[in-house]
């Protein structure tokens, strides 16, 4: 199947693999250090932010795919998937925030914020487009 991937998709997958590998290393490193050798001051902030950097890189990688994909149809599918993810994320986060406002759900989301919800929406959008014949008629 990989023989049918565009050069842009292959670059995307390589970038994604590197960034997610860095994320795994950084998240375990930060967790270990905060549990066993807690940093303080600016070092604590830097270490806490470290796992976020590869995630920011993944967002850049997805947007880069939209720029680098030369096939207009594939680019349109990626744009539709991203738009679905954005609408999904905004909907879920808006409802969650109103539930929080009225103390119906916890104020603590345990790290599952907007970026996580957007990535879930990206996956759901991809599945929905595949089910609906890749034309994006699900939205």
C-alpha atoms as a PDB file:
ATOM      1  CA  UNK A   1       0.000   0.000   0.000  1.00  0.00           C
ATOM      2  CA  UNK A   2       2.863   2.396   0.743  1.00  0.00           C
ATOM      3  CA  UNK A   3       3.804   2.311  -2.946  1.00  0.00           C
ATOM      4  CA  UNK A   4       0.635   4.321  -3.608  1.00  0.00           C
ATOM      5  CA  UNK A   5       1.392   7.042  -1.088  1.00  0.00           C
ATOM      6  CA  UNK A   6       2.309  10.437  -2.441  1.00  0.00           C
ATOM      7  CA  UNK A   7       5.740  11.903  -1.631  1.00  0.00           C
ATOM      8  CA  UNK A   8       3.978  14.400   0.664  1.00  0.00           C
ATOM      9  CA  UNK A   9       2.372  11.563   2.651  1.00  0.00           C
ATOM     10  CA  UNK A  10       5.698   9.768   2.959  1.00  0.00           C
ATOM     11  CA  UNK A  11       7.326  12.951   4.322  1.00  0.00           C
ATOM     12  CA  UNK A  12       4.359  13.427   6.652  1.00  0.00           C
ATOM     13  CA  UNK A  13       4.700   9.879   8.008  1.00  0.00           C
ATOM     14  CA  UNK A  14       8.456  10.260   8.554  1.00  0.00           C
ATOM     15  CA  UNK A  15       7.959  13.538  10.408  1.00  0.00           C
ATOM     16  CA  UNK A  16       5.127  12.054  12.426  1.00  0.00           C
ATOM     17  CA  UNK A  17       7.241   9.040  13.426  1.00  0.00           C
ATOM     18  CA  UNK A  18      10.128  11.243  14.577  1.00  0.00           C
ATOM     19  CA  UNK A  19       7.878  13.646  16.486  1.00  0.00           C
ATOM     20  CA  UNK A  20       5.863  10.929  18.206  1.00  0.00           C
ATOM     21  CA  UNK A  21       9.080   9.140  19.167  1.00  0.00           C
ATOM     22  CA  UNK A  22      10.337  12.376  20.720  1.00  0.00           C
ATOM     23  CA  UNK A  23       6.996  12.796  22.483  1.00  0.00           C
ATOM     24  CA  UNK A  24       7.275   9.321  24.031  1.00  0.00           C
ATOM     25  CA  UNK A  25      10.804  10.026  25.259  1.00  0.00           C
ATOM     26  CA  UNK A  26       9.899  13.484  26.599  1.00  0.00           C
ATOM     27  CA  UNK A  27       6.674  12.423  28.354  1.00  0.00           C
ATOM     28  CA  UNK A  28       8.398   9.548  30.155  1.00  0.00           C
ATOM     29  CA  UNK A  29      11.433  11.697  30.981  1.00  0.00           C
ATOM     30  CA  UNK A  30       9.286  14.499  32.404  1.00  0.00           C
ATOM     31  CA  UNK A  31       7.151  12.081  34.397  1.00  0.00           C
ATOM     32  CA  UNK A  32      10.186  10.305  35.813  1.00  0.00           C
ATOM     33  CA  UNK A  33      12.008  13.506  36.742  1.00  0.00           C
ATOM     34  CA  UNK A  34       8.954  15.142  38.327  1.00  0.00           C
ATOM     35  CA  UNK A  35       8.336  11.997  40.407  1.00  0.00           C
ATOM     36  CA  UNK A  36      11.927  11.218  41.423  1.00  0.00           C
ATOM     37  CA  UNK A  37      13.970  14.423  41.082  1.00  0.00           C
ATOM     38  CA  UNK A  38      11.480  17.297  40.970  1.00  0.00           C
ATOM     39  CA  UNK A  39      12.962  20.372  39.291  1.00  0.00           C
ATOM     40  CA  UNK A  40      12.188  23.858  40.516  1.00  0.00           C
ATOM     41  CA  UNK A  41      11.991  27.303  39.052  1.00  0.00           C
ATOM     42  CA  UNK A  42      12.484  27.794  35.340  1.00  0.00           C
ATOM     43  CA  UNK A  43      13.732  24.207  34.916  1.00  0.00           C
ATOM     44  CA  UNK A  44      10.358  22.899  36.125  1.00  0.00           C
ATOM     45  CA  UNK A  45       8.532  25.001  33.550  1.00  0.00           C
ATOM     46  CA  UNK A  46      10.905  23.971  30.773  1.00  0.00           C
ATOM     47  CA  UNK A  47      10.552  20.288  31.648  1.00  0.00           C
ATOM     48  CA  UNK A  48       6.754  20.541  31.897  1.00  0.00           C
ATOM     49  CA  UNK A  49       6.564  22.133  28.441  1.00  0.00           C
ATOM     50  CA  UNK A  50       9.041  19.725  26.835  1.00  0.00           C
ATOM     51  CA  UNK A  51       6.437  17.037  25.889  1.00  0.00           C
ATOM     52  CA  UNK A  52       4.258  19.719  24.300  1.00  0.00           C
ATOM     53  CA  UNK A  53       6.914  20.614  21.735  1.00  0.00           C
ATOM     54  CA  UNK A  54       6.586  17.431  19.630  1.00  0.00           C
ATOM     55  CA  UNK A  55       2.780  17.783  19.752  1.00  0.00           C
ATOM     56  CA  UNK A  56       3.128  21.306  18.390  1.00  0.00           C
ATOM     57  CA  UNK A  57       5.398  19.773  15.750  1.00  0.00           C
ATOM     58  CA  UNK A  58       2.661  17.271  14.840  1.00  0.00           C
ATOM     59  CA  UNK A  59       0.213  20.126  14.307  1.00  0.00           C
ATOM     60  CA  UNK A  60       2.808  21.812  12.072  1.00  0.00           C
ATOM     61  CA  UNK A  61       3.331  18.487  10.247  1.00  0.00           C
ATOM     62  CA  UNK A  62      -0.384  18.162   9.497  1.00  0.00           C
ATOM     63  CA  UNK A  63      -0.577  21.720   8.203  1.00  0.00           C
ATOM     64  CA  UNK A  64       2.617  21.156   6.209  1.00  0.00           C
ATOM     65  CA  UNK A  65       0.949  18.180   4.512  1.00  0.00           C
ATOM     66  CA  UNK A  66      -1.772  20.523   3.255  1.00  0.00           C
ATOM     67  CA  UNK A  67       0.894  22.751   1.697  1.00  0.00           C
ATOM     68  CA  UNK A  68       3.077  19.986   0.264  1.00  0.00           C
ATOM     69  CA  UNK A  69       0.394  17.701  -1.196  1.00  0.00           C
ATOM     70  CA  UNK A  70       0.382  18.305  -4.958  1.00  0.00           C
ATOM     71  CA  UNK A  71      -2.676  16.181  -5.737  1.00  0.00           C
ATOM     72  CA  UNK A  72      -5.629  18.564  -5.461  1.00  0.00           C
ATOM     73  CA  UNK A  73      -8.126  15.818  -4.629  1.00  0.00           C
ATOM     74  CA  UNK A  74      -5.978  14.429  -1.808  1.00  0.00           C
ATOM     75  CA  UNK A  75      -5.357  17.951  -0.528  1.00  0.00           C
ATOM     76  CA  UNK A  76      -9.113  18.566  -0.496  1.00  0.00           C
ATOM     77  CA  UNK A  77      -9.654  15.373   1.513  1.00  0.00           C
ATOM     78  CA  UNK A  78      -7.013  16.437   4.055  1.00  0.00           C
ATOM     79  CA  UNK A  79      -8.606  19.896   4.313  1.00  0.00           C
ATOM     80  CA  UNK A  80     -12.055  18.347   4.860  1.00  0.00           C
ATOM     81  CA  UNK A  81     -10.613  16.059   7.509  1.00  0.00           C
ATOM     82  CA  UNK A  82      -8.990  19.035   9.263  1.00  0.00           C
ATOM     83  CA  UNK A  83     -12.197  21.068   9.066  1.00  0.00           C
ATOM     84  CA  UNK A  84     -14.157  18.154  10.519  1.00  0.00           C
ATOM     85  CA  UNK A  85     -11.604  17.909  13.351  1.00  0.00           C
ATOM     86  CA  UNK A  86     -11.874  21.640  14.023  1.00  0.00           C
ATOM     87  CA  UNK A  87     -15.682  21.586  14.141  1.00  0.00           C
ATOM     88  CA  UNK A  88     -15.639  18.463  16.314  1.00  0.00           C
ATOM     89  CA  UNK A  89     -13.119  20.005  18.707  1.00  0.00           C
ATOM     90  CA  UNK A  90     -14.955  23.314  18.991  1.00  0.00           C
ATOM     91  CA  UNK A  91     -18.251  21.509  19.625  1.00  0.00           C
ATOM     92  CA  UNK A  92     -16.882  19.166  22.297  1.00  0.00           C
ATOM     93  CA  UNK A  93     -14.875  21.862  24.062  1.00  0.00           C
ATOM     94  CA  UNK A  94     -17.784  24.333  24.042  1.00  0.00           C
ATOM     95  CA  UNK A  95     -20.147  21.779  25.595  1.00  0.00           C
ATOM     96  CA  UNK A  96     -17.468  20.709  28.112  1.00  0.00           C
ATOM     97  CA  UNK A  97     -16.827  24.301  29.180  1.00  0.00           C
ATOM     98  CA  UNK A  98     -20.526  24.944  29.785  1.00  0.00           C
ATOM     99  CA  UNK A  99     -20.745  21.744  31.824  1.00  0.00           C
ATOM    100  CA  UNK A 100     -17.742  22.985  33.828  1.00  0.00           C
ATOM    101  CA  UNK A 101     -19.347  26.406  34.301  1.00  0.00           C
ATOM    102  CA  UNK A 102     -22.275  24.774  36.099  1.00  0.00           C
ATOM    103  CA  UNK A 103     -20.078  22.339  38.063  1.00  0.00           C
ATOM    104  CA  UNK A 104     -21.530  19.304  36.298  1.00  0.00           C
ATOM    105  CA  UNK A 105     -18.106  17.941  35.317  1.00  0.00           C
ATOM    106  CA  UNK A 106     -14.683  18.254  36.873  1.00  0.00           C
ATOM    107  CA  UNK A 107     -12.676  21.409  36.267  1.00  0.00           C
ATOM    108  CA  UNK A 108      -9.650  19.142  35.776  1.00  0.00           C
ATOM    109  CA  UNK A 109      -9.441  17.457  32.364  1.00  0.00           C
ATOM    110  CA  UNK A 110      -6.242  15.525  33.221  1.00  0.00           C
ATOM    111  CA  UNK A 111      -4.399  16.811  30.164  1.00  0.00           C
ATOM    112  CA  UNK A 112      -7.130  15.996  27.657  1.00  0.00           C
ATOM    113  CA  UNK A 113      -7.550  19.461  26.246  1.00  0.00           C
ATOM    114  CA  UNK A 114      -8.433  20.907  22.889  1.00  0.00           C
ATOM    115  CA  UNK A 115      -5.455  19.424  21.039  1.00  0.00           C
ATOM    116  CA  UNK A 116      -6.346  15.887  22.123  1.00  0.00           C
ATOM    117  CA  UNK A 117      -9.986  16.404  21.104  1.00  0.00           C
ATOM    118  CA  UNK A 118      -8.858  17.841  17.740  1.00  0.00           C
ATOM    119  CA  UNK A 119      -6.713  14.755  17.072  1.00  0.00           C
ATOM    120  CA  UNK A 120      -9.674  12.512  17.938  1.00  0.00           C
ATOM    121  CA  UNK A 121     -11.790  14.535  15.491  1.00  0.00           C
ATOM    122  CA  UNK A 122      -9.082  14.124  12.844  1.00  0.00           C
ATOM    123  CA  UNK A 123      -9.317  10.360  13.213  1.00  0.00           C
ATOM    124  CA  UNK A 124     -13.117  10.347  13.204  1.00  0.00           C
ATOM    125  CA  UNK A 125     -13.102  12.574  10.115  1.00  0.00           C
ATOM    126  CA  UNK A 126     -10.796  10.157   8.292  1.00  0.00           C
ATOM    127  CA  UNK A 127     -13.005   7.174   9.172  1.00  0.00           C
ATOM    128  CA  UNK A 128     -16.194   9.041   8.245  1.00  0.00           C
ATOM    129  CA  UNK A 129     -14.791  10.030   4.846  1.00  0.00           C
ATOM    130  CA  UNK A 130     -13.701   6.454   4.169  1.00  0.00           C
ATOM    131  CA  UNK A 131     -17.165   5.133   5.096  1.00  0.00           C
ATOM    132  CA  UNK A 132     -18.864   7.766   2.952  1.00  0.00           C
ATOM    133  CA  UNK A 133     -16.771   7.096  -0.135  1.00  0.00           C
ATOM    134  CA  UNK A 134     -14.025   9.644   0.647  1.00  0.00           C
ATOM    135  CA  UNK A 135     -16.195  12.480  -0.615  1.00  0.00           C
ATOM    136  CA  UNK A 136     -16.579  13.979   2.827  1.00  0.00           C
ATOM    137  CA  UNK A 137     -20.384  13.919   2.709  1.00  0.00           C
ATOM    138  CA  UNK A 138     -20.450  13.099   6.415  1.00  0.00           C
ATOM    139  CA  UNK A 139     -20.196  16.762   7.335  1.00  0.00           C
END
